[in-house]
Amino acid sequence: MNAMEQFFATAQTTVARFRETQWDALATVAGWLGDALARDGWLYVFGTGHSHLVAEEVFYRAGGLAHAVPMLDPRIMVHENAIQATYTERESGFAAGLLAQYPVAAGDVLIVVSNSGRNAVPIEMALLGREKGMRVAALLNRTQSDAWPSRHPSGKKLADVAEVVIDNCGPNGDAWLRLPGMPDAIGSTSSMVGLLAIQLILVQAVEHALARGVTPEMYISSNTQGYDHNDRLLQKYKSRIRHL
């Protein structure tokens, strides 16, 4: 097999393992979110570095929840200063200032995404969320997390402080494929599996809310007939969601 075929097979195997081992954890978080939506609650998703892609997946998109908010800050993302972001995500104290910019409440759901689960900012975000009474789940790479020490002063990792851990089933270092002539592996699956995890949680949460007699507000494609529908939601929530 060539490299493309090898990686496609690896991705399929990773997703199959994810389906086999993580379904109960996904269902638990979806149940939390369904209950939150039935009470007019909210979903918040946070990640640093490339993990912020998973947070953005929930936000302002066709088929997405209106009550879903990414927690974003350019200082811990890669599009402006990737080098500094790598160091900032290790700094204790950053998470509190970011969380204060969002009107979170007890019973809201917080999903913290971190492939390594070892950096201070994601760990502190999970701790702060739990202090506020949020239901906190971690989406991480258990193999990598277990292999490396925490960078948080407590010595704890994200897996230690979340209520539920969802494993993206990746390898230590994230990349899978080793090719002759390449000194290290290429081809990462964490983002792919993370995006799938989020969508699985969302669709199951909506079904759960419907069973409770509540129809969650959703965005539809603004490139079809959805402009007026979405505009009503945007006007309703623009004062609450800082990224609108």
C-alpha atoms as a PDB file:
ATOM      1  CA  MET A   1       0.000   0.000   0.000  1.00  0.00           C
ATOM      2  CA  ASN A   2       1.122   3.537  -0.646  1.00  0.00           C
ATOM      3  CA  ALA A   3       1.131   6.149   2.111  1.00  0.00           C
ATOM      4  CA  MET A   4      -2.366   7.380   1.383  1.00  0.00           C
ATOM      5  CA  GLU A   5      -3.798   3.863   1.521  1.00  0.00           C
ATOM      6  CA  GLN A   6      -1.887   3.097   4.715  1.00  0.00           C
ATOM      7  CA  PHE A   7      -3.159   6.189   6.469  1.00  0.00           C
ATOM      8  CA  PHE A   8      -6.731   5.632   5.320  1.00  0.00           C
ATOM      9  CA  ALA A   9      -6.597   2.135   6.804  1.00  0.00           C
ATOM     10  CA  THR A  10      -5.094   3.524  10.016  1.00  0.00           C
ATOM     11  CA  ALA A  11      -7.827   6.121  10.267  1.00  0.00           C
ATOM     12  CA  GLN A  12     -10.494   3.462   9.818  1.00  0.00           C
ATOM     13  CA  THR A  13      -8.916   1.301  12.504  1.00  0.00           C
ATOM     14  CA  THR A  14      -8.701   4.250  14.890  1.00  0.00           C
ATOM     15  CA  VAL A  15     -12.350   5.167  14.371  1.00  0.00           C
ATOM     16  CA  ALA A  16     -13.385   1.528  14.832  1.00  0.00           C
ATOM     17  CA  ARG A  17     -11.512   1.358  18.124  1.00  0.00           C
ATOM     18  CA  PHE A  18     -13.074   4.654  19.157  1.00  0.00           C
ATOM     19  CA  ARG A  19     -16.544   3.247  18.422  1.00  0.00           C
ATOM     20  CA  GLU A  20     -15.806   0.066  20.348  1.00  0.00           C
ATOM     21  CA  THR A  21     -14.327   1.655  23.479  1.00  0.00           C
ATOM     22  CA  GLN A  22     -15.752   5.169  23.892  1.00  0.00           C
ATOM     23  CA  TRP A  23     -19.470   4.818  23.192  1.00  0.00           C
ATOM     24  CA  ASP A  24     -20.543   4.799  26.832  1.00  0.00           C
ATOM     25  CA  ALA A  25     -18.519   7.928  27.626  1.00  0.00           C
ATOM     26  CA  LEU A  26     -19.953   9.724  24.596  1.00  0.00           C
ATOM     27  CA  ALA A  27     -23.483   8.723  25.604  1.00  0.00           C
ATOM     28  CA  THR A  28     -22.936  10.015  29.130  1.00  0.00           C
ATOM     29  CA  VAL A  29     -21.834  13.443  27.923  1.00  0.00           C
ATOM     30  CA  ALA A  30     -24.667  13.529  25.390  1.00  0.00           C
ATOM     31  CA  GLY A  31     -27.085  12.807  28.228  1.00  0.00           C
ATOM     32  CA  TRP A  32     -25.676  15.711  30.233  1.00  0.00           C
ATOM     33  CA  LEU A  33     -26.078  18.000  27.248  1.00  0.00           C
ATOM     34  CA  GLY A  34     -29.583  16.796  26.480  1.00  0.00           C
ATOM     35  CA  ASP A  35     -30.586  17.538  30.063  1.00  0.00           C
ATOM     36  CA  ALA A  36     -28.939  20.960  29.870  1.00  0.00           C
ATOM     37  CA  LEU A  37     -30.726  21.825  26.638  1.00  0.00           C
ATOM     38  CA  ALA A  38     -34.038  20.746  28.148  1.00  0.00           C
ATOM     39  CA  ARG A  39     -33.402  23.293  30.929  1.00  0.00           C
ATOM     40  CA  ASP A  40     -32.335  26.043  28.490  1.00  0.00           C
ATOM     41  CA  GLY A  41     -28.691  25.400  29.353  1.00  0.00           C
ATOM     42  CA  TRP A  42     -25.558  25.678  27.254  1.00  0.00           C
ATOM     43  CA  LEU A  43     -22.600  23.774  25.843  1.00  0.00           C
ATOM     44  CA  TYR A  44     -19.094  25.259  26.054  1.00  0.00           C
ATOM     45  CA  VAL A  45     -16.079  23.705  24.337  1.00  0.00           C
ATOM     46  CA  PHE A  46     -12.478  24.676  25.005  1.00  0.00           C
ATOM     47  CA  GLY A  47      -9.185  23.657  23.487  1.00  0.00           C
ATOM     48  CA  THR A  48      -5.732  25.142  22.971  1.00  0.00           C
ATOM     49  CA  GLY A  49      -3.528  24.812  19.896  1.00  0.00           C
ATOM     50  CA  HIS A  50      -5.062  22.542  17.266  1.00  0.00           C
ATOM     51  CA  SER A  51      -7.648  21.407  19.815  1.00  0.00           C
ATOM     52  CA  HIS A  52      -9.451  24.707  19.289  1.00  0.00           C
ATOM     53  CA  LEU A  53     -10.640  23.241  15.987  1.00  0.00           C
ATOM     54  CA  VAL A  54     -12.953  20.982  17.947  1.00  0.00           C
ATOM     55  CA  ALA A  55     -14.305  23.972  19.851  1.00  0.00           C
ATOM     56  CA  GLU A  56     -15.032  25.826  16.609  1.00  0.00           C
ATOM     57  CA  GLU A  57     -16.842  22.778  15.239  1.00  0.00           C
ATOM     58  CA  VAL A  58     -19.812  23.417  17.541  1.00  0.00           C
ATOM     59  CA  PHE A  59     -20.229  27.071  16.635  1.00  0.00           C
ATOM     60  CA  TYR A  60     -22.548  28.850  14.186  1.00  0.00           C
ATOM     61  CA  ARG A  61     -22.753  26.144  11.565  1.00  0.00           C
ATOM     62  CA  ALA A  62     -25.429  24.309   9.631  1.00  0.00           C
ATOM     63  CA  GLY A  63     -26.974  21.625  11.796  1.00  0.00           C
ATOM     64  CA  GLY A  64     -25.352  23.082  14.906  1.00  0.00           C
ATOM     65  CA  LEU A  65     -26.819  24.084  18.241  1.00  0.00           C
ATOM     66  CA  ALA A  66     -27.578  27.727  18.902  1.00  0.00           C
ATOM     67  CA  HIS A  67     -26.731  27.007  22.560  1.00  0.00           C
ATOM     68  CA  ALA A  68     -23.138  25.975  21.789  1.00  0.00           C
ATOM     69  CA  VAL A  69     -20.208  28.299  22.415  1.00  0.00           C
ATOM     70  CA  PRO A  70     -16.485  27.894  21.725  1.00  0.00           C
ATOM     71  CA  MET A  71     -14.092  29.419  24.252  1.00  0.00           C
ATOM     72  CA  LEU A  72     -11.505  31.089  22.045  1.00  0.00           C
ATOM     73  CA  ASP A  73      -8.511  33.330  22.601  1.00  0.00           C
ATOM     74  CA  PRO A  74      -5.883  34.077  19.918  1.00  0.00           C
ATOM     75  CA  ARG A  75      -3.112  33.797  22.501  1.00  0.00           C
ATOM     76  CA  ILE A  76      -3.640  30.028  22.765  1.00  0.00           C
ATOM     77  CA  MET A  77      -4.472  29.373  19.108  1.00  0.00           C
ATOM     78  CA  VAL A  78      -2.060  28.827  16.240  1.00  0.00           C
ATOM     79  CA  HIS A  79      -3.173  31.360  13.628  1.00  0.00           C
ATOM     80  CA  GLU A  80      -1.416  34.454  15.024  1.00  0.00           C
ATOM     81  CA  ASN A  81       1.583  33.340  17.073  1.00  0.00           C
ATOM     82  CA  ALA A  82       1.920  29.578  17.187  1.00  0.00           C
ATOM     83  CA  ILE A  83       5.244  29.622  19.023  1.00  0.00           C
ATOM     84  CA  GLN A  84       3.996  31.788  21.874  1.00  0.00           C
ATOM     85  CA  ALA A  85       0.730  29.859  22.051  1.00  0.00           C
ATOM     86  CA  THR A  86       2.710  26.706  22.806  1.00  0.00           C
ATOM     87  CA  TYR A  87       4.141  28.361  25.907  1.00  0.00           C
ATOM     88  CA  THR A  88       0.989  30.212  26.935  1.00  0.00           C
ATOM     89  CA  GLU A  89      -1.032  26.998  27.200  1.00  0.00           C
ATOM     90  CA  ARG A  90       1.413  25.896  29.899  1.00  0.00           C
ATOM     91  CA  GLU A  91       0.901  28.983  32.083  1.00  0.00           C
ATOM     92  CA  SER A  92      -1.076  28.705  35.300  1.00  0.00           C
ATOM     93  CA  GLY A  93      -3.669  31.429  35.821  1.00  0.00           C
ATOM     94  CA  PHE A  94      -4.658  32.004  32.196  1.00  0.00           C
ATOM     95  CA  ALA A  95      -7.871  29.986  32.279  1.00  0.00           C
ATOM     96  CA  ALA A  96      -9.604  32.079  34.953  1.00  0.00           C
ATOM     97  CA  GLY A  97      -9.495  35.260  32.901  1.00  0.00           C
ATOM     98  CA  LEU A  98     -10.819  33.495  29.827  1.00  0.00           C
ATOM     99  CA  LEU A  99     -13.646  31.718  31.637  1.00  0.00           C
ATOM    100  CA  ALA A 100     -14.763  35.030  33.152  1.00  0.00           C
ATOM    101  CA  GLN A 101     -15.673  36.229  29.639  1.00  0.00           C
ATOM    102  CA  TYR A 102     -18.452  33.644  29.309  1.00  0.00           C
ATOM    103  CA  PRO A 103     -21.747  33.561  31.281  1.00  0.00           C
ATOM    104  CA  VAL A 104     -21.446  29.932  32.323  1.00  0.00           C
ATOM    105  CA  ALA A 105     -23.820  28.501  34.895  1.00  0.00           C
ATOM    106  CA  ALA A 106     -24.208  25.392  37.013  1.00  0.00           C
ATOM    107  CA  GLY A 107     -25.572  22.565  34.909  1.00  0.00           C
ATOM    108  CA  ASP A 108     -23.995  23.800  31.679  1.00  0.00           C
ATOM    109  CA  VAL A 109     -21.720  21.318  29.934  1.00  0.00           C
ATOM    110  CA  LEU A 110     -18.013  21.983  29.386  1.00  0.00           C
ATOM    111  CA  ILE A 111     -15.913  19.809  27.083  1.00  0.00           C
ATOM    112  CA  VAL A 112     -12.181  20.449  27.421  1.00  0.00           C
ATOM    113  CA  VAL A 113     -10.099  19.179  24.509  1.00  0.00           C
ATOM    114  CA  SER A 114      -6.382  18.514  24.904  1.00  0.00           C
ATOM    115  CA  ASN A 115      -4.527  15.764  23.089  1.00  0.00           C
ATOM    116  CA  SER A 116      -1.817  15.483  25.744  1.00  0.00           C
ATOM    117  CA  GLY A 117      -3.960  16.397  28.743  1.00  0.00           C
ATOM    118  CA  ARG A 118      -0.857  17.695  30.504  1.00  0.00           C
ATOM    119  CA  ASN A 119      -0.794  21.476  30.017  1.00  0.00           C
ATOM    120  CA  ALA A 120      -1.878  23.859  32.753  1.00  0.00           C
ATOM    121  CA  VAL A 121      -4.533  25.870  30.912  1.00  0.00           C
ATOM    122  CA  PRO A 122      -6.858  22.979  29.934  1.00  0.00           C
ATOM    123  CA  ILE A 123      -6.446  21.417  33.373  1.00  0.00           C
ATOM    124  CA  GLU A 124      -7.326  24.672  35.127  1.00  0.00           C
ATOM    125  CA  MET A 125     -10.286  25.252  32.810  1.00  0.00           C
ATOM    126  CA  ALA A 126     -11.702  21.877  33.820  1.00  0.00           C
ATOM    127  CA  LEU A 127     -11.116  22.591  37.509  1.00  0.00           C
ATOM    128  CA  LEU A 128     -12.760  26.007  37.282  1.00  0.00           C
ATOM    129  CA  GLY A 129     -15.707  24.607  35.380  1.00  0.00           C
ATOM    130  CA  ARG A 130     -16.322  22.049  38.084  1.00  0.00           C
ATOM    131  CA  GLU A 131     -16.085  24.749  40.756  1.00  0.00           C
ATOM    132  CA  LYS A 132     -18.908  26.547  38.963  1.00  0.00           C
ATOM    133  CA  GLY A 133     -21.076  23.444  38.902  1.00  0.00           C
ATOM    134  CA  MET A 134     -20.629  22.640  35.224  1.00  0.00           C
ATOM    135  CA  ARG A 135     -20.567  19.059  33.966  1.00  0.00           C
ATOM    136  CA  VAL A 136     -17.018  18.654  32.720  1.00  0.00           C
ATOM    137  CA  ALA A 137     -15.776  16.132  30.170  1.00  0.00           C
ATOM    138  CA  ALA A 138     -12.286  15.732  28.759  1.00  0.00           C
ATOM    139  CA  LEU A 139     -11.511  14.723  25.183  1.00  0.00           C
ATOM    140  CA  LEU A 140      -7.892  13.591  25.057  1.00  0.00           C
ATOM    141  CA  ASN A 141      -5.380  10.993  23.939  1.00  0.00           C
ATOM    142  CA  ARG A 142      -5.115   8.559  26.820  1.00  0.00           C
ATOM    143  CA  THR A 143      -1.933   6.917  25.526  1.00  0.00           C
ATOM    144  CA  GLN A 144      -0.076  10.208  25.259  1.00  0.00           C
ATOM    145  CA  SER A 145      -1.519  11.575  28.488  1.00  0.00           C
ATOM    146  CA  ASP A 146      -0.395   8.522  30.423  1.00  0.00           C
ATOM    147  CA  ALA A 147       3.111   8.718  28.968  1.00  0.00           C
ATOM    148  CA  TRP A 148       4.042  12.232  30.115  1.00  0.00           C
ATOM    149  CA  PRO A 149       4.015  14.215  33.385  1.00  0.00           C
ATOM    150  CA  SER A 150       1.633  17.069  34.118  1.00  0.00           C
ATOM    151  CA  ARG A 151       2.656  20.686  33.629  1.00  0.00           C
ATOM    152  CA  HIS A 152       0.153  21.843  36.251  1.00  0.00           C
ATOM    153  CA  PRO A 153       1.469  22.739  39.742  1.00  0.00           C
ATOM    154  CA  SER A 154      -0.835  20.154  41.322  1.00  0.00           C
ATOM    155  CA  GLY A 155       0.726  17.348  39.320  1.00  0.00           C
ATOM    156  CA  LYS A 156      -2.725  16.392  38.068  1.00  0.00           C
ATOM    157  CA  LYS A 157      -3.623  15.842  34.442  1.00  0.00           C
ATOM    158  CA  LEU A 158      -6.835  16.630  32.609  1.00  0.00           C
ATOM    159  CA  ALA A 159      -7.965  13.021  32.948  1.00  0.00           C
ATOM    160  CA  ASP A 160      -7.673  13.346  36.736  1.00  0.00           C
ATOM    161  CA  VAL A 161      -9.962  16.375  37.044  1.00  0.00           C
ATOM    162  CA  ALA A 162     -12.741  15.722  34.495  1.00  0.00           C
ATOM    163  CA  GLU A 163     -15.858  13.761  35.383  1.00  0.00           C
ATOM    164  CA  VAL A 164     -15.765  11.753  32.159  1.00  0.00           C
ATOM    165  CA  VAL A 165     -12.833  11.100  29.836  1.00  0.00           C
ATOM    166  CA  ILE A 166     -13.258  10.440  26.122  1.00  0.00           C
ATOM    167  CA  ASP A 167     -10.165   8.891  24.541  1.00  0.00           C
ATOM    168  CA  ASN A 168      -9.485   9.797  20.908  1.00  0.00           C
ATOM    169  CA  CYS A 169      -7.581   6.498  20.639  1.00  0.00           C
ATOM    170  CA  GLY A 170      -4.490   8.047  19.077  1.00  0.00           C
ATOM    171  CA  PRO A 171      -0.837   7.079  19.612  1.00  0.00           C
ATOM    172  CA  ASN A 172       1.760   8.769  21.776  1.00  0.00           C
ATOM    173  CA  GLY A 173       2.800  11.802  19.728  1.00  0.00           C
ATOM    174  CA  ASP A 174      -0.487  11.860  17.750  1.00  0.00           C
ATOM    175  CA  ALA A 175       0.989  10.845  14.375  1.00  0.00           C
ATOM    176  CA  TRP A 176       0.727   7.231  13.199  1.00  0.00           C
ATOM    177  CA  LEU A 177       2.466   6.600   9.903  1.00  0.00           C
ATOM    178  CA  ARG A 178       6.163   5.782   9.659  1.00  0.00           C
ATOM    179  CA  LEU A 179       7.664   5.979   6.189  1.00  0.00           C
ATOM    180  CA  PRO A 180      11.173   4.960   5.115  1.00  0.00           C
ATOM    181  CA  GLY A 181      13.388   8.043   5.079  1.00  0.00           C
ATOM    182  CA  MET A 182      11.233  10.009   7.528  1.00  0.00           C
ATOM    183  CA  PRO A 183      12.724  10.342  11.023  1.00  0.00           C
ATOM    184  CA  ASP A 184       9.337  10.633  12.734  1.00  0.00           C
ATOM    185  CA  ALA A 185       5.744   9.616  12.164  1.00  0.00           C
ATOM    186  CA  ILE A 186       3.297  11.620  10.039  1.00  0.00           C
ATOM    187  CA  GLY A 187      -0.479  11.544   9.733  1.00  0.00           C
ATOM    188  CA  SER A 188      -2.428  12.576  12.852  1.00  0.00           C
ATOM    189  CA  THR A 189      -5.948  11.486  13.765  1.00  0.00           C
ATOM    190  CA  SER A 190      -6.767  13.526  16.884  1.00  0.00           C
ATOM    191  CA  SER A 191      -8.624  16.327  15.075  1.00  0.00           C
ATOM    192  CA  MET A 192     -10.557  13.919  12.878  1.00  0.00           C
ATOM    193  CA  VAL A 193     -11.722  11.824  15.822  1.00  0.00           C
ATOM    194  CA  GLY A 194     -12.349  14.909  17.931  1.00  0.00           C
ATOM    195  CA  LEU A 195     -14.692  16.399  15.343  1.00  0.00           C
ATOM    196  CA  LEU A 196     -16.511  13.090  15.052  1.00  0.00           C
ATOM    197  CA  ALA A 197     -16.863  12.900  18.841  1.00  0.00           C
ATOM    198  CA  ILE A 198     -18.424  16.345  19.008  1.00  0.00           C
ATOM    199  CA  GLN A 199     -20.960  15.591  16.306  1.00  0.00           C
ATOM    200  CA  LEU A 200     -21.898  12.285  17.940  1.00  0.00           C
ATOM    201  CA  ILE A 201     -22.491  14.063  21.243  1.00  0.00           C
ATOM    202  CA  LEU A 202     -24.569  16.783  19.591  1.00  0.00           C
ATOM    203  CA  VAL A 203     -26.921  14.533  17.671  1.00  0.00           C
ATOM    204  CA  GLN A 204     -27.520  12.259  20.648  1.00  0.00           C
ATOM    205  CA  ALA A 205     -28.091  15.250  22.931  1.00  0.00           C
ATOM    206  CA  VAL A 206     -30.730  16.622  20.572  1.00  0.00           C
ATOM    207  CA  GLU A 207     -32.523  13.281  20.548  1.00  0.00           C
ATOM    208  CA  HIS A 208     -32.399  13.268  24.347  1.00  0.00           C
ATOM    209  CA  ALA A 209     -33.827  16.790  24.548  1.00  0.00           C
ATOM    210  CA  LEU A 210     -36.616  15.901  22.126  1.00  0.00           C
ATOM    211  CA  ALA A 211     -37.539  12.967  24.342  1.00  0.00           C
ATOM    212  CA  ARG A 212     -37.847  15.479  27.177  1.00  0.00           C
ATOM    213  CA  GLY A 213     -40.305  17.503  25.093  1.00  0.00           C
ATOM    214  CA  VAL A 214     -37.848  20.271  24.152  1.00  0.00           C
ATOM    215  CA  THR A 215     -36.819  21.171  20.599  1.00  0.00           C
ATOM    216  CA  PRO A 216     -33.331  22.740  20.682  1.00  0.00           C
ATOM    217  CA  GLU A 217     -32.668  25.822  18.585  1.00  0.00           C
ATOM    218  CA  MET A 218     -30.443  24.989  15.617  1.00  0.00           C
ATOM    219  CA  TYR A 219     -28.713  26.850  12.815  1.00  0.00           C
ATOM    220  CA  ILE A 220     -29.346  25.849   9.212  1.00  0.00           C
ATOM    221  CA  SER A 221     -27.230  26.635   6.173  1.00  0.00           C
ATOM    222  CA  SER A 222     -27.235  30.353   5.414  1.00  0.00           C
ATOM    223  CA  ASN A 223     -26.397  29.412   1.833  1.00  0.00           C
ATOM    224  CA  THR A 224     -29.839  27.891   1.328  1.00  0.00           C
ATOM    225  CA  GLN A 225     -33.055  29.370   2.698  1.00  0.00           C
ATOM    226  CA  GLY A 226     -31.576  29.806   6.140  1.00  0.00           C
ATOM    227  CA  TYR A 227     -30.676  33.475   6.324  1.00  0.00           C
ATOM    228  CA  ASP A 228     -33.847  34.710   8.029  1.00  0.00           C
ATOM    229  CA  HIS A 229     -33.952  31.740  10.382  1.00  0.00           C
ATOM    230  CA  ASN A 230     -30.344  32.194  11.443  1.00  0.00           C
ATOM    231  CA  ASP A 231     -30.651  35.960  11.688  1.00  0.00           C
ATOM    232  CA  ARG A 232     -33.352  35.610  14.318  1.00  0.00           C
ATOM    233  CA  LEU A 233     -31.037  33.424  16.394  1.00  0.00           C
ATOM    234  CA  LEU A 234     -28.100  35.781  15.898  1.00  0.00           C
ATOM    235  CA  GLN A 235     -30.114  38.765  17.044  1.00  0.00           C
ATOM    236  CA  LYS A 236     -31.403  36.802  20.023  1.00  0.00           C
ATOM    237  CA  TYR A 237     -27.978  35.691  21.256  1.00  0.00           C
ATOM    238  CA  LYS A 238     -25.448  38.242  19.997  1.00  0.00           C
ATOM    239  CA  SER A 239     -25.378  40.000  23.380  1.00  0.00           C
ATOM    240  CA  ARG A 240     -24.673  36.698  25.148  1.00  0.00           C
ATOM    241  CA  ILE A 241     -22.183  35.017  22.812  1.00  0.00           C
ATOM    242  CA  ARG A 242     -19.068  37.146  22.469  1.00  0.00           C
ATOM    243  CA  HIS A 243     -17.987  35.565  19.186  1.00  0.00           C
ATOM    244  CA  LEU A 244     -21.114  36.490  17.216  1.00  0.00           C
END
